[in-house]
Amino acid sequence: MKKIHKVAVNTLIVAMFLGLGGCSGMSTQGKSTAIGAGVGAVGGSVLTGGSTAGTIGGAVVGGVIGHEIKK
């Protein structure tokens, strides 16, 4: 089960970086929000053992923090 979790987290990280490649036309604040949401999702997933609620909650909190930092 640990191996599956590591593979899932690594896949999410790779997908996040590939997705951010499409952010070249975004504003700085939009980029920060997207990065914060991605990092928050990974962090929430890791901290809660892969729970869906933890991943979504982490994404929301990370997105808000990323949005507020670049105001």
PDB file of N, CA and C in Angstrom:
ATOM      1  N   MET A   1       0.827  -1.190   0.000  1.00  0.00           N
ATOM      2  CA  MET A   1       0.000   0.000   0.000  1.00  0.00           C
ATOM      3  C   MET A   1       0.873   1.256   0.000  1.00  0.00           C
ATOM      4  N   LYS A   2       2.005   1.215   0.700  1.00  0.00           N
ATOM      5  CA  LYS A   2       2.878   2.383   0.726  1.00  0.00           C
ATOM      6  C   LYS A   2       3.410   2.707  -0.661  1.00  0.00           C
ATOM      7  N   LYS A   3       3.738   1.659  -1.422  1.00  0.00           N
ATOM      8  CA  LYS A   3       4.267   1.859  -2.764  1.00  0.00           C
ATOM      9  C   LYS A   3       3.221   2.528  -3.657  1.00  0.00           C
ATOM     10  N   ILE A   4       1.974   2.111  -3.539  1.00  0.00           N
ATOM     11  CA  ILE A   4       0.894   2.700  -4.325  1.00  0.00           C
ATOM     12  C   ILE A   4       0.740   4.177  -3.965  1.00  0.00           C
ATOM     13  N   HIS A   5       0.830   4.494  -2.687  1.00  0.00           N
ATOM     14  CA  HIS A   5       0.705   5.881  -2.236  1.00  0.00           C
ATOM     15  C   HIS A   5       1.839   6.735  -2.812  1.00  0.00           C
ATOM     16  N   LYS A   6       3.069   6.220  -2.780  1.00  0.00           N
ATOM     17  CA  LYS A   6       4.200   6.965  -3.325  1.00  0.00           C
ATOM     18  C   LYS A   6       4.041   7.193  -4.820  1.00  0.00           C
ATOM     19  N   VAL A   7       3.584   6.181  -5.529  1.00  0.00           N
ATOM     20  CA  VAL A   7       3.373   6.309  -6.973  1.00  0.00           C
ATOM     21  C   VAL A   7       2.292   7.352  -7.246  1.00  0.00           C
ATOM     22  N   ALA A   8       1.223   7.338  -6.468  1.00  0.00           N
ATOM     23  CA  ALA A   8       0.135   8.295  -6.662  1.00  0.00           C
ATOM     24  C   ALA A   8       0.608   9.722  -6.408  1.00  0.00           C
ATOM     25  N   VAL A   9       1.373   9.929  -5.353  1.00  0.00           N
ATOM     26  CA  VAL A   9       1.878  11.267  -5.042  1.00  0.00           C
ATOM     27  C   VAL A   9       2.835  11.735  -6.133  1.00  0.00           C
ATOM     28  N   ASN A  10       3.731  10.873  -6.565  1.00  0.00           N
ATOM     29  CA  ASN A  10       4.667  11.257  -7.622  1.00  0.00           C
ATOM     30  C   ASN A  10       3.946  11.557  -8.929  1.00  0.00           C
ATOM     31  N   THR A  11       2.921  10.792  -9.246  1.00  0.00           N
ATOM     32  CA  THR A  11       2.135  11.048 -10.443  1.00  0.00           C
ATOM     33  C   THR A  11       1.432  12.396 -10.355  1.00  0.00           C
ATOM     34  N   LEU A  12       0.905  12.713  -9.190  1.00  0.00           N
ATOM     35  CA  LEU A  12       0.248  14.003  -8.984  1.00  0.00           C
ATOM     36  C   LEU A  12       1.233  15.152  -9.153  1.00  0.00           C
ATOM     37  N   ILE A  13       2.428  14.995  -8.638  1.00  0.00           N
ATOM     38  CA  ILE A  13       3.444  16.036  -8.767  1.00  0.00           C
ATOM     39  C   ILE A  13       3.819  16.246 -10.233  1.00  0.00           C
ATOM     40  N   VAL A  14       4.028  15.176 -10.966  1.00  0.00           N
ATOM     41  CA  VAL A  14       4.366  15.283 -12.388  1.00  0.00           C
ATOM     42  C   VAL A  14       3.224  15.946 -13.147  1.00  0.00           C
ATOM     43  N   ALA A  15       1.997  15.547 -12.864  1.00  0.00           N
ATOM     44  CA  ALA A  15       0.840  16.146 -13.536  1.00  0.00           C
ATOM     45  C   ALA A  15       0.731  17.630 -13.223  1.00  0.00           C
ATOM     46  N   MET A  16       1.039  17.990 -11.977  1.00  0.00           N
ATOM     47  CA  MET A  16       0.991  19.399 -11.591  1.00  0.00           C
ATOM     48  C   MET A  16       2.001  20.210 -12.390  1.00  0.00           C
ATOM     49  N   PHE A  17       3.226  19.716 -12.518  1.00  0.00           N
ATOM     50  CA  PHE A  17       4.236  20.449 -13.261  1.00  0.00           C
ATOM     51  C   PHE A  17       3.903  20.535 -14.749  1.00  0.00           C
ATOM     52  N   LEU A  18       3.358  19.477 -15.313  1.00  0.00           N
ATOM     53  CA  LEU A  18       2.944  19.515 -16.713  1.00  0.00           C
ATOM     54  C   LEU A  18       1.790  20.490 -16.906  1.00  0.00           C
ATOM     55  N   GLY A  19       0.883  20.499 -15.974  1.00  0.00           N
ATOM     56  CA  GLY A  19      -0.246  21.427 -16.045  1.00  0.00           C
ATOM     57  C   GLY A  19       0.181  22.869 -15.911  1.00  0.00           C
ATOM     58  N   LEU A  20       1.192  23.110 -15.106  1.00  0.00           N
ATOM     59  CA  LEU A  20       1.663  24.482 -14.929  1.00  0.00           C
ATOM     60  C   LEU A  20       2.348  25.019 -16.176  1.00  0.00           C
ATOM     61  N   GLY A  21       2.758  24.119 -17.069  1.00  0.00           N
ATOM     62  CA  GLY A  21       3.326  24.567 -18.331  1.00  0.00           C
ATOM     63  C   GLY A  21       2.311  25.345 -19.151  1.00  0.00           C
ATOM     64  N   GLY A  22       1.044  25.083 -18.943  1.00  0.00           N
ATOM     65  CA  GLY A  22      -0.016  25.806 -19.635  1.00  0.00           C
ATOM     66  C   GLY A  22      -0.369  27.125 -18.987  1.00  0.00           C
ATOM     67  N   CYS A  23       0.330  27.495 -17.940  1.00  0.00           N
ATOM     68  CA  CYS A  23       0.020  28.719 -17.204  1.00  0.00           C
ATOM     69  C   CYS A  23       0.824  29.928 -17.684  1.00  0.00           C
ATOM     70  N   SER A  24       1.483  29.809 -18.814  1.00  0.00           N
ATOM     71  CA  SER A  24       2.362  30.889 -19.251  1.00  0.00           C
ATOM     72  C   SER A  24       1.605  32.184 -19.534  1.00  0.00           C
ATOM     73  N   GLY A  25       0.338  32.099 -19.919  1.00  0.00           N
ATOM     74  CA  GLY A  25      -0.439  33.300 -20.199  1.00  0.00           C
ATOM     75  C   GLY A  25      -1.196  33.826 -18.997  1.00  0.00           C
ATOM     76  N   MET A  26      -1.023  33.207 -17.848  1.00  0.00           N
ATOM     77  CA  MET A  26      -1.759  33.616 -16.652  1.00  0.00           C
ATOM     78  C   MET A  26      -1.071  34.779 -15.955  1.00  0.00           C
ATOM     79  N   SER A  27      -1.841  35.509 -15.148  1.00  0.00           N
ATOM     80  CA  SER A  27      -1.270  36.569 -14.326  1.00  0.00           C
ATOM     81  C   SER A  27      -0.421  35.942 -13.217  1.00  0.00           C
ATOM     82  N   THR A  28       0.389  36.747 -12.592  1.00  0.00           N
ATOM     83  CA  THR A  28       1.232  36.264 -11.491  1.00  0.00           C
ATOM     84  C   THR A  28       0.374  35.741 -10.350  1.00  0.00           C
ATOM     85  N   GLN A  29      -0.718  36.445 -10.068  1.00  0.00           N
ATOM     86  CA  GLN A  29      -1.597  36.018  -8.976  1.00  0.00           C
ATOM     87  C   GLN A  29      -2.281  34.694  -9.332  1.00  0.00           C
ATOM     88  N   GLY A  30      -2.681  34.518 -10.572  1.00  0.00           N
ATOM     89  CA  GLY A  30      -3.296  33.268 -11.007  1.00  0.00           C
ATOM     90  C   GLY A  30      -2.331  32.101 -10.912  1.00  0.00           C
ATOM     91  N   LYS A  31      -1.074  32.358 -11.303  1.00  0.00           N
ATOM     92  CA  LYS A  31      -0.056  31.311 -11.192  1.00  0.00           C
ATOM     93  C   LYS A  31       0.161  30.925  -9.738  1.00  0.00           C
ATOM     94  N   SER A  32       0.233  31.917  -8.869  1.00  0.00           N
ATOM     95  CA  SER A  32       0.454  31.643  -7.446  1.00  0.00           C
ATOM     96  C   SER A  32      -0.706  30.850  -6.858  1.00  0.00           C
ATOM     97  N   THR A  33      -1.912  31.163  -7.284  1.00  0.00           N
ATOM     98  CA  THR A  33      -3.087  30.426  -6.805  1.00  0.00           C
ATOM     99  C   THR A  33      -3.023  28.970  -7.252  1.00  0.00           C
ATOM    100  N   ALA A  34      -2.678  28.748  -8.531  1.00  0.00           N
ATOM    101  CA  ALA A  34      -2.595  27.382  -9.058  1.00  0.00           C
ATOM    102  C   ALA A  34      -1.480  26.588  -8.375  1.00  0.00           C
ATOM    103  N   ILE A  35      -0.339  27.212  -8.189  1.00  0.00           N
ATOM    104  CA  ILE A  35       0.779  26.533  -7.520  1.00  0.00           C
ATOM    105  C   ILE A  35       0.407  26.213  -6.075  1.00  0.00           C
ATOM    106  N   GLY A  36      -0.198  27.181  -5.384  1.00  0.00           N
ATOM    107  CA  GLY A  36      -0.617  26.953  -3.998  1.00  0.00           C
ATOM    108  C   GLY A  36      -1.616  25.820  -3.877  1.00  0.00           C
ATOM    109  N   ALA A  37      -2.558  25.750  -4.827  1.00  0.00           N
ATOM    110  CA  ALA A  37      -3.548  24.675  -4.798  1.00  0.00           C
ATOM    111  C   ALA A  37      -2.887  23.319  -5.032  1.00  0.00           C
ATOM    112  N   GLY A  38      -1.939  23.260  -5.951  1.00  0.00           N
ATOM    113  CA  GLY A  38      -1.239  22.003  -6.225  1.00  0.00           C
ATOM    114  C   GLY A  38      -0.413  21.530  -5.047  1.00  0.00           C
ATOM    115  N   VAL A  39       0.337  22.449  -4.477  1.00  0.00           N
ATOM    116  CA  VAL A  39       1.172  22.098  -3.325  1.00  0.00           C
ATOM    117  C   VAL A  39       0.294  21.731  -2.130  1.00  0.00           C
ATOM    118  N   GLY A  40      -0.781  22.469  -1.942  1.00  0.00           N
ATOM    119  CA  GLY A  40      -1.696  22.170  -0.840  1.00  0.00           C
ATOM    120  C   GLY A  40      -2.351  20.808  -0.991  1.00  0.00           C
ATOM    121  N   ALA A  41      -2.709  20.444  -2.229  1.00  0.00           N
ATOM    122  CA  ALA A  41      -3.324  19.142  -2.470  1.00  0.00           C
ATOM    123  C   ALA A  41      -2.359  18.014  -2.132  1.00  0.00           C
ATOM    124  N   VAL A  42      -1.119  18.163  -2.563  1.00  0.00           N
ATOM    125  CA  VAL A  42      -0.120  17.136  -2.256  1.00  0.00           C
ATOM    126  C   VAL A  42       0.115  17.065  -0.746  1.00  0.00           C
ATOM    127  N   GLY A  43       0.278  18.225  -0.120  1.00  0.00           N
ATOM    128  CA  GLY A  43       0.492  18.255   1.327  1.00  0.00           C
ATOM    129  C   GLY A  43      -0.671  17.667   2.100  1.00  0.00           C
ATOM    130  N   GLY A  44      -1.899  18.031   1.709  1.00  0.00           N
ATOM    131  CA  GLY A  44      -3.083  17.496   2.382  1.00  0.00           C
ATOM    132  C   GLY A  44      -3.205  15.995   2.214  1.00  0.00           C
ATOM    133  N   SER A  45      -2.860  15.518   1.028  1.00  0.00           N
ATOM    134  CA  SER A  45      -2.910  14.081   0.769  1.00  0.00           C
ATOM    135  C   SER A  45      -1.902  13.330   1.622  1.00  0.00           C
ATOM    136  N   VAL A  46      -0.700  13.863   1.698  1.00  0.00           N
ATOM    137  CA  VAL A  46       0.354  13.209   2.470  1.00  0.00           C
ATOM    138  C   VAL A  46       0.015  13.232   3.959  1.00  0.00           C
ATOM    139  N   LEU A  47      -0.447  14.372   4.454  1.00  0.00           N
ATOM    140  CA  LEU A  47      -0.726  14.494   5.885  1.00  0.00           C
ATOM    141  C   LEU A  47      -1.907  13.651   6.349  1.00  0.00           C
ATOM    142  N   THR A  48      -2.858  13.399   5.456  1.00  0.00           N
ATOM    143  CA  THR A  48      -4.041  12.638   5.860  1.00  0.00           C
ATOM    144  C   THR A  48      -4.015  11.203   5.364  1.00  0.00           C
ATOM    145  N   GLY A  49      -2.892  10.761   4.846  1.00  0.00           N
ATOM    146  CA  GLY A  49      -2.787   9.386   4.386  1.00  0.00           C
ATOM    147  C   GLY A  49      -3.540   9.116   3.092  1.00  0.00           C
ATOM    148  N   GLY A  50      -3.730  10.129   2.277  1.00  0.00           N
ATOM    149  CA  GLY A  50      -4.373   9.952   0.981  1.00  0.00           C
ATOM    150  C   GLY A  50      -5.876  10.127   0.985  1.00  0.00           C
ATOM    151  N   SER A  51      -6.431  10.677   2.061  1.00  0.00           N
ATOM    152  CA  SER A  51      -7.885  10.852   2.098  1.00  0.00           C
ATOM    153  C   SER A  51      -8.317  11.935   1.107  1.00  0.00           C
ATOM    154  N   THR A  52      -9.472  11.742   0.523  1.00  0.00           N
ATOM    155  CA  THR A  52     -10.000  12.696  -0.450  1.00  0.00           C
ATOM    156  C   THR A  52     -10.274  14.044   0.199  1.00  0.00           C
ATOM    157  N   ALA A  53     -10.843  14.022   1.381  1.00  0.00           N
ATOM    158  CA  ALA A  53     -11.156  15.267   2.084  1.00  0.00           C
ATOM    159  C   ALA A  53      -9.880  16.042   2.402  1.00  0.00           C
ATOM    160  N   GLY A  54      -8.836  15.347   2.798  1.00  0.00           N
ATOM    161  CA  GLY A  54      -7.566  16.005   3.096  1.00  0.00           C
ATOM    162  C   GLY A  54      -6.941  16.620   1.859  1.00  0.00           C
ATOM    163  N   THR A  55      -7.047  15.928   0.735  1.00  0.00           N
ATOM    164  CA  THR A  55      -6.495  16.437  -0.514  1.00  0.00           C
ATOM    165  C   THR A  55      -7.248  17.681  -0.966  1.00  0.00           C
ATOM    166  N   ILE A  56      -8.576  17.617  -0.933  1.00  0.00           N
ATOM    167  CA  ILE A  56      -9.382  18.769  -1.349  1.00  0.00           C
ATOM    168  C   ILE A  56      -9.192  19.937  -0.381  1.00  0.00           C
ATOM    169  N   GLY A  57      -9.183  19.641   0.903  1.00  0.00           N
ATOM    170  CA  GLY A  57      -8.971  20.700   1.896  1.00  0.00           C
ATOM    171  C   GLY A  57      -7.611  21.354   1.735  1.00  0.00           C
ATOM    172  N   GLY A  58      -6.592  20.558   1.494  1.00  0.00           N
ATOM    173  CA  GLY A  58      -5.249  21.113   1.273  1.00  0.00           C
ATOM    174  C   GLY A  58      -5.197  21.979   0.033  1.00  0.00           C
ATOM    175  N   ALA A  59      -5.886  21.560  -1.021  1.00  0.00           N
ATOM    176  CA  ALA A  59      -5.917  22.350  -2.256  1.00  0.00           C
ATOM    177  C   ALA A  59      -6.605  23.691  -2.030  1.00  0.00           C
ATOM    178  N   VAL A  60      -7.689  23.678  -1.285  1.00  0.00           N
ATOM    179  CA  VAL A  60      -8.414  24.921  -1.010  1.00  0.00           C
ATOM    180  C   VAL A  60      -7.549  25.864  -0.187  1.00  0.00           C
ATOM    181  N   VAL A  61      -6.977  25.358   0.882  1.00  0.00           N
ATOM    182  CA  VAL A  61      -6.145  26.203   1.747  1.00  0.00           C
ATOM    183  C   VAL A  61      -4.913  26.709   0.982  1.00  0.00           C
ATOM    184  N   GLY A  62      -4.258  25.830   0.227  1.00  0.00           N
ATOM    185  CA  GLY A  62      -3.090  26.250  -0.548  1.00  0.00           C
ATOM    186  C   GLY A  62      -3.452  27.281  -1.612  1.00  0.00           C
ATOM    187  N   GLY A  63      -4.588  27.112  -2.264  1.00  0.00           N
ATOM    188  CA  GLY A  63      -5.027  28.080  -3.267  1.00  0.00           C
ATOM    189  C   GLY A  63      -5.294  29.440  -2.685  1.00  0.00           C
ATOM    190  N   VAL A  64      -5.940  29.466  -1.532  1.00  0.00           N
ATOM    191  CA  VAL A  64      -6.226  30.757  -0.856  1.00  0.00           C
ATOM    192  C   VAL A  64      -4.911  31.426  -0.453  1.00  0.00           C
ATOM    193  N   ILE A  65      -4.007  30.657   0.118  1.00  0.00           N
ATOM    194  CA  ILE A  65      -2.722  31.236   0.530  1.00  0.00           C
ATOM    195  C   ILE A  65      -1.958  31.748  -0.680  1.00  0.00           C
ATOM    196  N   GLY A  66      -1.899  30.972  -1.756  1.00  0.00           N
ATOM    197  CA  GLY A  66      -1.216  31.420  -2.961  1.00  0.00           C
ATOM    198  C   GLY A  66      -1.842  32.658  -3.558  1.00  0.00           C
ATOM    199  N   HIS A  67      -3.166  32.765  -3.491  1.00  0.00           N
ATOM    200  CA  HIS A  67      -3.878  33.931  -4.016  1.00  0.00           C
ATOM    201  C   HIS A  67      -3.562  35.172  -3.191  1.00  0.00           C
ATOM    202  N   GLU A  68      -3.528  35.025  -1.892  1.00  0.00           N
ATOM    203  CA  GLU A  68      -3.296  36.161  -1.004  1.00  0.00           C
ATOM    204  C   GLU A  68      -1.851  36.640  -0.992  1.00  0.00           C
ATOM    205  N   ILE A  69      -0.914  35.749  -1.247  1.00  0.00           N
ATOM    206  CA  ILE A  69       0.501  36.139  -1.202  1.00  0.00           C
ATOM    207  C   ILE A  69       0.822  37.156  -2.290  1.00  0.00           C
ATOM    208  N   LYS A  70       0.283  36.999  -3.477  1.00  0.00           N
ATOM    209  CA  LYS A  70       0.636  37.862  -4.606  1.00  0.00           C
ATOM    210  C   LYS A  70      -0.343  39.003  -4.817  1.00  0.00           C
ATOM    211  N   LYS A  71      -1.001  39.480  -3.790  1.00  0.00           N
ATOM    212  CA  LYS A  71      -1.914  40.619  -3.929  1.00  0.00           C
ATOM    213  C   LYS A  71      -1.156  41.905  -4.027  1.00  0.00           C
TER     214      LYS A  71
END
